[in-house]
């Protein structure tokens, strides 16, 4: 038995359209790229070149060593980074120092804890921040701080609670 399929050109055209859509989706996306098994997201920056951001990301990758954990992603978001830098300079380790805020970058990571870890519970962790500082534009990035703390917000909450407690006792 022989089947004659009419519209072979339609099938070819449909295949070409599907192929074009697949190529388009593979070329676009969220400025992220997989670096091994680590996804890297780099937003636009008016402060740092892509090479400066890449070198900071490399420092985080090289220093990530949480037992039983796997680094999944590292992200640079300039607006979020600037917010944390402000907190760092006002309430954190940058307070009272001569560190130039233009030589501070904050990266955010995601990681999974799947094995034994003496401190962290098993699960997924997002927005873990890494504050890196360098002496000058040509200096190497060094990790100055890391974690989930936004000093200003903690300070403001404590100050507010303290004011409430003082008002209650008056």
C-alpha atoms as a PDB file:
ATOM      1  CA  UNK A   1       0.000   0.000   0.000  1.00  0.00           C
ATOM      2  CA  UNK A   2       1.248   3.429  -0.889  1.00  0.00           C
ATOM      3  CA  UNK A   3       0.055   6.537   0.883  1.00  0.00           C
ATOM      4  CA  UNK A   4       0.359   9.857  -0.804  1.00  0.00           C
ATOM      5  CA  UNK A   5       0.658  12.746   1.612  1.00  0.00           C
ATOM      6  CA  UNK A   6      -0.396  15.985   0.125  1.00  0.00           C
ATOM      7  CA  UNK A   7       1.027  19.198   1.435  1.00  0.00           C
ATOM      8  CA  UNK A   8       4.598  18.046   1.927  1.00  0.00           C
ATOM      9  CA  UNK A   9       5.600  21.683   1.601  1.00  0.00           C
ATOM     10  CA  UNK A  10       3.384  22.509   4.588  1.00  0.00           C
ATOM     11  CA  UNK A  11       5.206  19.944   6.722  1.00  0.00           C
ATOM     12  CA  UNK A  12       8.584  21.341   5.650  1.00  0.00           C
ATOM     13  CA  UNK A  13       7.439  24.901   6.333  1.00  0.00           C
ATOM     14  CA  UNK A  14       6.063  23.904   9.752  1.00  0.00           C
ATOM     15  CA  UNK A  15       9.341  22.192  10.586  1.00  0.00           C
ATOM     16  CA  UNK A  16      11.298  25.279   9.556  1.00  0.00           C
ATOM     17  CA  UNK A  17       9.101  27.534  11.690  1.00  0.00           C
ATOM     18  CA  UNK A  18       9.488  25.205  14.674  1.00  0.00           C
ATOM     19  CA  UNK A  19      13.256  25.118  14.163  1.00  0.00           C
ATOM     20  CA  UNK A  20      13.409  28.928  13.945  1.00  0.00           C
ATOM     21  CA  UNK A  21      11.409  29.265  17.178  1.00  0.00           C
ATOM     22  CA  UNK A  22      13.719  26.816  18.968  1.00  0.00           C
ATOM     23  CA  UNK A  23      16.804  28.714  17.804  1.00  0.00           C
ATOM     24  CA  UNK A  24      15.247  32.013  18.862  1.00  0.00           C
ATOM     25  CA  UNK A  25      14.512  30.698  22.374  1.00  0.00           C
ATOM     26  CA  UNK A  26      18.006  29.259  22.706  1.00  0.00           C
ATOM     27  CA  UNK A  27      19.577  32.631  21.840  1.00  0.00           C
ATOM     28  CA  UNK A  28      17.418  34.652  24.196  1.00  0.00           C
ATOM     29  CA  UNK A  29      16.715  34.116  27.830  1.00  0.00           C
ATOM     30  CA  UNK A  30      17.916  35.582  31.058  1.00  0.00           C
ATOM     31  CA  UNK A  31      21.519  36.625  30.563  1.00  0.00           C
ATOM     32  CA  UNK A  32      22.399  33.495  32.474  1.00  0.00           C
ATOM     33  CA  UNK A  33      24.811  30.845  31.410  1.00  0.00           C
ATOM     34  CA  UNK A  34      25.636  27.501  32.864  1.00  0.00           C
ATOM     35  CA  UNK A  35      29.206  27.278  34.060  1.00  0.00           C
ATOM     36  CA  UNK A  36      29.532  23.555  34.583  1.00  0.00           C
ATOM     37  CA  UNK A  37      26.598  22.850  36.839  1.00  0.00           C
ATOM     38  CA  UNK A  38      26.526  26.426  38.182  1.00  0.00           C
ATOM     39  CA  UNK A  39      24.224  28.944  36.566  1.00  0.00           C
ATOM     40  CA  UNK A  40      25.636  32.464  36.324  1.00  0.00           C
ATOM     41  CA  UNK A  41      23.345  35.487  36.042  1.00  0.00           C
ATOM     42  CA  UNK A  42      24.945  38.843  35.312  1.00  0.00           C
ATOM     43  CA  UNK A  43      22.709  41.869  35.133  1.00  0.00           C
ATOM     44  CA  UNK A  44      23.730  45.096  33.476  1.00  0.00           C
ATOM     45  CA  UNK A  45      26.202  47.198  35.404  1.00  0.00           C
ATOM     46  CA  UNK A  46      27.211  50.833  35.299  1.00  0.00           C
ATOM     47  CA  UNK A  47      29.885  50.228  37.966  1.00  0.00           C
ATOM     48  CA  UNK A  48      31.762  47.143  36.841  1.00  0.00           C
ATOM     49  CA  UNK A  49      32.911  45.590  33.583  1.00  0.00           C
ATOM     50  CA  UNK A  50      31.889  42.027  32.772  1.00  0.00           C
ATOM     51  CA  UNK A  51      35.489  40.967  33.529  1.00  0.00           C
ATOM     52  CA  UNK A  52      35.310  42.533  37.016  1.00  0.00           C
ATOM     53  CA  UNK A  53      32.030  40.747  37.715  1.00  0.00           C
ATOM     54  CA  UNK A  54      33.444  37.479  36.355  1.00  0.00           C
ATOM     55  CA  UNK A  55      36.486  37.713  38.641  1.00  0.00           C
ATOM     56  CA  UNK A  56      34.237  38.312  41.675  1.00  0.00           C
ATOM     57  CA  UNK A  57      32.064  35.333  40.708  1.00  0.00           C
ATOM     58  CA  UNK A  58      35.209  33.191  40.409  1.00  0.00           C
ATOM     59  CA  UNK A  59      36.172  34.116  43.996  1.00  0.00           C
ATOM     60  CA  UNK A  60      32.761  32.955  45.250  1.00  0.00           C
ATOM     61  CA  UNK A  61      32.962  29.715  43.249  1.00  0.00           C
ATOM     62  CA  UNK A  62      36.495  29.018  44.521  1.00  0.00           C
ATOM     63  CA  UNK A  63      35.564  29.710  48.153  1.00  0.00           C
ATOM     64  CA  UNK A  64      32.219  27.933  48.340  1.00  0.00           C
ATOM     65  CA  UNK A  65      32.904  25.009  50.640  1.00  0.00           C
ATOM     66  CA  UNK A  66      29.853  24.271  52.776  1.00  0.00           C
ATOM     67  CA  UNK A  67      29.899  20.595  53.819  1.00  0.00           C
ATOM     68  CA  UNK A  68      27.256  18.474  52.098  1.00  0.00           C
ATOM     69  CA  UNK A  69      26.298  21.366  49.832  1.00  0.00           C
ATOM     70  CA  UNK A  70      26.330  22.108  46.126  1.00  0.00           C
ATOM     71  CA  UNK A  71      26.503  25.594  44.616  1.00  0.00           C
ATOM     72  CA  UNK A  72      23.734  25.954  42.021  1.00  0.00           C
ATOM     73  CA  UNK A  73      23.784  29.618  40.939  1.00  0.00           C
ATOM     74  CA  UNK A  74      25.574  32.929  41.412  1.00  0.00           C
ATOM     75  CA  UNK A  75      23.860  36.187  40.518  1.00  0.00           C
ATOM     76  CA  UNK A  76      24.868  39.840  40.224  1.00  0.00           C
ATOM     77  CA  UNK A  77      22.006  42.320  40.507  1.00  0.00           C
ATOM     78  CA  UNK A  78      23.376  45.871  40.712  1.00  0.00           C
ATOM     79  CA  UNK A  79      20.329  47.415  42.427  1.00  0.00           C
ATOM     80  CA  UNK A  80      20.246  44.713  45.107  1.00  0.00           C
ATOM     81  CA  UNK A  81      24.020  44.856  45.438  1.00  0.00           C
ATOM     82  CA  UNK A  82      23.909  48.618  46.001  1.00  0.00           C
ATOM     83  CA  UNK A  83      21.265  48.189  48.736  1.00  0.00           C
ATOM     84  CA  UNK A  84      23.444  45.707  50.603  1.00  0.00           C
ATOM     85  CA  UNK A  85      26.557  47.878  50.108  1.00  0.00           C
ATOM     86  CA  UNK A  86      24.718  50.793  51.730  1.00  0.00           C
ATOM     87  CA  UNK A  87      23.807  48.582  54.709  1.00  0.00           C
ATOM     88  CA  UNK A  88      27.348  47.195  54.877  1.00  0.00           C
ATOM     89  CA  UNK A  89      28.853  50.693  54.979  1.00  0.00           C
ATOM     90  CA  UNK A  90      26.336  52.063  57.471  1.00  0.00           C
ATOM     91  CA  UNK A  91      25.917  49.151  59.887  1.00  0.00           C
ATOM     92  CA  UNK A  92      28.284  46.330  58.899  1.00  0.00           C
ATOM     93  CA  UNK A  93      32.010  45.721  58.641  1.00  0.00           C
ATOM     94  CA  UNK A  94      32.425  48.724  56.339  1.00  0.00           C
ATOM     95  CA  UNK A  95      31.311  51.193  59.024  1.00  0.00           C
ATOM     96  CA  UNK A  96      34.071  53.554  60.051  1.00  0.00           C
ATOM     97  CA  UNK A  97      36.493  52.295  57.405  1.00  0.00           C
ATOM     98  CA  UNK A  98      37.997  54.004  54.393  1.00  0.00           C
ATOM     99  CA  UNK A  99      36.610  51.365  52.014  1.00  0.00           C
ATOM    100  CA  UNK A 100      35.450  52.969  48.767  1.00  0.00           C
ATOM    101  CA  UNK A 101      31.901  51.729  47.995  1.00  0.00           C
ATOM    102  CA  UNK A 102      32.936  51.635  44.315  1.00  0.00           C
ATOM    103  CA  UNK A 103      35.294  48.785  45.254  1.00  0.00           C
ATOM    104  CA  UNK A 104      32.581  46.635  46.828  1.00  0.00           C
ATOM    105  CA  UNK A 105      30.442  44.123  44.975  1.00  0.00           C
ATOM    106  CA  UNK A 106      27.717  41.918  46.419  1.00  0.00           C
ATOM    107  CA  UNK A 107      26.801  38.653  44.722  1.00  0.00           C
ATOM    108  CA  UNK A 108      23.894  36.382  45.579  1.00  0.00           C
ATOM    109  CA  UNK A 109      23.990  32.603  45.455  1.00  0.00           C
ATOM    110  CA  UNK A 110      21.713  29.620  45.523  1.00  0.00           C
ATOM    111  CA  UNK A 111      22.819  26.277  46.878  1.00  0.00           C
ATOM    112  CA  UNK A 112      21.412  22.949  47.988  1.00  0.00           C
ATOM    113  CA  UNK A 113      22.287  21.108  51.166  1.00  0.00           C
ATOM    114  CA  UNK A 114      21.793  17.417  50.448  1.00  0.00           C
ATOM    115  CA  UNK A 115      24.383  15.805  52.679  1.00  0.00           C
ATOM    116  CA  UNK A 116      25.597  16.114  56.233  1.00  0.00           C
ATOM    117  CA  UNK A 117      26.128  19.682  57.361  1.00  0.00           C
ATOM    118  CA  UNK A 118      26.824  20.574  60.999  1.00  0.00           C
ATOM    119  CA  UNK A 119      24.997  23.924  60.759  1.00  0.00           C
ATOM    120  CA  UNK A 120      22.532  23.992  57.857  1.00  0.00           C
ATOM    121  CA  UNK A 121      19.420  21.873  57.437  1.00  0.00           C
ATOM    122  CA  UNK A 122      18.878  19.965  54.221  1.00  0.00           C
ATOM    123  CA  UNK A 123      17.139  22.020  51.588  1.00  0.00           C
ATOM    124  CA  UNK A 124      17.510  24.827  49.087  1.00  0.00           C
ATOM    125  CA  UNK A 125      19.010  28.180  50.071  1.00  0.00           C
ATOM    126  CA  UNK A 126      18.484  31.297  47.954  1.00  0.00           C
ATOM    127  CA  UNK A 127      19.806  34.867  48.065  1.00  0.00           C
ATOM    128  CA  UNK A 128      22.805  34.028  50.230  1.00  0.00           C
ATOM    129  CA  UNK A 129      24.930  37.148  49.873  1.00  0.00           C
ATOM    130  CA  UNK A 130      28.683  37.463  49.375  1.00  0.00           C
ATOM    131  CA  UNK A 131      30.229  40.893  49.981  1.00  0.00           C
ATOM    132  CA  UNK A 132      33.564  41.242  48.209  1.00  0.00           C
ATOM    133  CA  UNK A 133      35.976  44.152  48.585  1.00  0.00           C
ATOM    134  CA  UNK A 134      39.095  45.176  46.712  1.00  0.00           C
ATOM    135  CA  UNK A 135      41.710  47.839  47.510  1.00  0.00           C
ATOM    136  CA  UNK A 136      41.356  49.627  44.182  1.00  0.00           C
ATOM    137  CA  UNK A 137      40.056  49.116  40.646  1.00  0.00           C
ATOM    138  CA  UNK A 138      43.015  46.866  39.801  1.00  0.00           C
ATOM    139  CA  UNK A 139      42.955  44.933  43.095  1.00  0.00           C
ATOM    140  CA  UNK A 140      41.800  41.368  43.652  1.00  0.00           C
ATOM    141  CA  UNK A 141      38.401  40.687  45.188  1.00  0.00           C
ATOM    142  CA  UNK A 142      38.418  39.346  48.766  1.00  0.00           C
ATOM    143  CA  UNK A 143      35.388  38.077  50.662  1.00  0.00           C
ATOM    144  CA  UNK A 144      34.665  40.521  53.472  1.00  0.00           C
ATOM    145  CA  UNK A 145      31.266  39.230  54.592  1.00  0.00           C
ATOM    146  CA  UNK A 146      28.691  36.602  53.690  1.00  0.00           C
ATOM    147  CA  UNK A 147      25.281  35.465  54.820  1.00  0.00           C
ATOM    148  CA  UNK A 148      21.695  36.616  55.039  1.00  0.00           C
ATOM    149  CA  UNK A 149      22.152  39.668  57.241  1.00  0.00           C
ATOM    150  CA  UNK A 150      21.044  43.122  56.227  1.00  0.00           C
ATOM    151  CA  UNK A 151      22.455  45.056  59.151  1.00  0.00           C
ATOM    152  CA  UNK A 152      20.306  48.146  58.807  1.00  0.00           C
ATOM    153  CA  UNK A 153      17.056  46.237  58.826  1.00  0.00           C
ATOM    154  CA  UNK A 154      18.108  44.256  61.899  1.00  0.00           C
ATOM    155  CA  UNK A 155      19.290  47.427  63.623  1.00  0.00           C
ATOM    156  CA  UNK A 156      16.040  49.245  62.837  1.00  0.00           C
ATOM    157  CA  UNK A 157      13.930  46.344  64.125  1.00  0.00           C
ATOM    158  CA  UNK A 158      15.920  46.173  67.363  1.00  0.00           C
ATOM    159  CA  UNK A 159      15.781  49.945  67.814  1.00  0.00           C
ATOM    160  CA  UNK A 160      12.021  49.947  67.223  1.00  0.00           C
ATOM    161  CA  UNK A 161      11.484  47.119  69.741  1.00  0.00           C
ATOM    162  CA  UNK A 162      13.675  48.912  72.264  1.00  0.00           C
ATOM    163  CA  UNK A 163      11.643  52.110  71.820  1.00  0.00           C
ATOM    164  CA  UNK A 164       8.406  50.166  72.309  1.00  0.00           C
ATOM    165  CA  UNK A 165       9.753  48.553  75.478  1.00  0.00           C
ATOM    166  CA  UNK A 166      10.862  51.927  76.845  1.00  0.00           C
ATOM    167  CA  UNK A 167       7.458  53.439  76.086  1.00  0.00           C
ATOM    168  CA  UNK A 168       5.706  50.530  77.823  1.00  0.00           C
ATOM    169  CA  UNK A 169       7.758  51.012  80.983  1.00  0.00           C
ATOM    170  CA  UNK A 170       7.041  54.758  81.130  1.00  0.00           C
END
